[in-house]
Amino acid sequence: MNDVLQQLATTLAARKQPDPEQSYVASLHHKGLNKILEKVGEEATEVILAAKDAAAGGDRGAVISEVAD
């Protein structure tokens, strides 16, 4: 698990370096922590809704897709 978290940290650090005009992740970092947290909250809500739908017989692949986002 530690390797996964280290890889995530490395990927995130690399993605905040490009020009904010060319990189969505870099643009979030440029806009500040509140924008990053808004995006995390938005994505978390989408994961929760997809999980609810999957539990009711919906597409389990949607949960994987939303978690990947």
Protein backbone atom coordinates (compact mmCIF):
# COMPACT_ATOMS: atom_id res chain seq x y z
CA MET A 1 0.00 0.00 0.00
CA ASN A 2 2.86 2.35 0.76
CA ASP A 3 4.11 1.93 -2.82
CA VAL A 4 0.72 2.96 -4.19
CA LEU A 5 0.65 6.09 -2.06
CA GLN A 6 4.21 6.95 -3.05
CA GLN A 7 3.36 6.53 -6.74
CA LEU A 8 0.29 8.73 -6.26
CA ALA A 9 2.36 11.43 -4.56
CA THR A 10 4.96 11.30 -7.34
CA THR A 11 2.29 11.52 -10.06
CA LEU A 12 0.53 14.44 -8.39
CA ALA A 13 3.80 16.32 -7.90
CA ALA A 14 4.68 15.86 -11.58
CA ARG A 15 1.24 16.96 -12.77
CA LYS A 16 1.29 20.27 -10.93
CA GLN A 17 4.50 21.39 -12.71
CA PRO A 18 3.23 22.04 -16.29
CA ASP A 19 1.73 25.28 -17.51
CA PRO A 20 -1.70 25.76 -15.88
CA GLU A 21 -3.06 26.66 -19.31
CA GLN A 22 -2.09 23.20 -20.59
CA SER A 23 -2.78 20.99 -17.56
CA TYR A 24 -6.05 20.69 -15.64
CA VAL A 25 -4.28 19.45 -12.49
CA ALA A 26 -1.75 22.30 -12.70
CA SER A 27 -4.61 24.77 -13.11
CA LEU A 28 -6.21 23.47 -9.91
CA HIS A 29 -2.94 23.92 -8.03
CA HIS A 30 -2.57 27.40 -9.49
CA LYS A 31 -6.07 28.32 -8.27
CA GLY A 32 -5.32 27.12 -4.76
CA LEU A 33 -6.37 24.62 -2.15
CA ASN A 34 -10.06 25.55 -2.17
CA LYS A 35 -10.38 24.63 -5.86
CA ILE A 36 -8.55 21.35 -5.27
CA LEU A 37 -10.86 20.52 -2.35
CA GLU A 38 -13.96 21.46 -4.39
CA LYS A 39 -12.85 18.99 -7.08
CA VAL A 40 -12.13 16.26 -4.54
CA GLY A 41 -15.59 16.82 -3.03
CA GLU A 42 -17.24 16.68 -6.45
CA GLU A 43 -15.48 13.45 -7.34
CA ALA A 44 -16.28 11.92 -3.93
CA THR A 45 -19.97 12.67 -4.45
CA GLU A 46 -19.85 10.98 -7.86
CA VAL A 47 -18.22 7.88 -6.31
CA ILE A 48 -20.89 7.70 -3.60
CA LEU A 49 -23.71 8.00 -6.13
CA ALA A 50 -22.17 5.38 -8.41
CA ALA A 51 -21.74 3.02 -5.44
CA LYS A 52 -25.38 3.54 -4.46
CA ASP A 53 -26.50 2.78 -7.99
CA ALA A 54 -24.28 -0.31 -8.19
CA ALA A 55 -25.70 -1.60 -4.90
CA ALA A 56 -29.17 -1.30 -6.44
CA GLY A 57 -28.13 -3.46 -9.40
CA GLY A 58 -26.54 -0.76 -11.53
CA ASP A 59 -23.25 -0.73 -13.40
CA ARG A 60 -20.34 -1.66 -11.13
CA GLY A 61 -17.98 -0.38 -13.81
CA ALA A 62 -19.23 3.13 -13.12
CA VAL A 63 -17.86 2.88 -9.59
CA ILE A 64 -14.41 1.95 -10.92
CA SER A 65 -14.56 4.77 -13.44
CA GLU A 66 -15.54 7.35 -10.84
CA VAL A 67 -12.87 6.21 -8.38
CA ALA A 68 -10.30 6.51 -11.17
CA ASP A 69 -11.38 10.11 -11.77
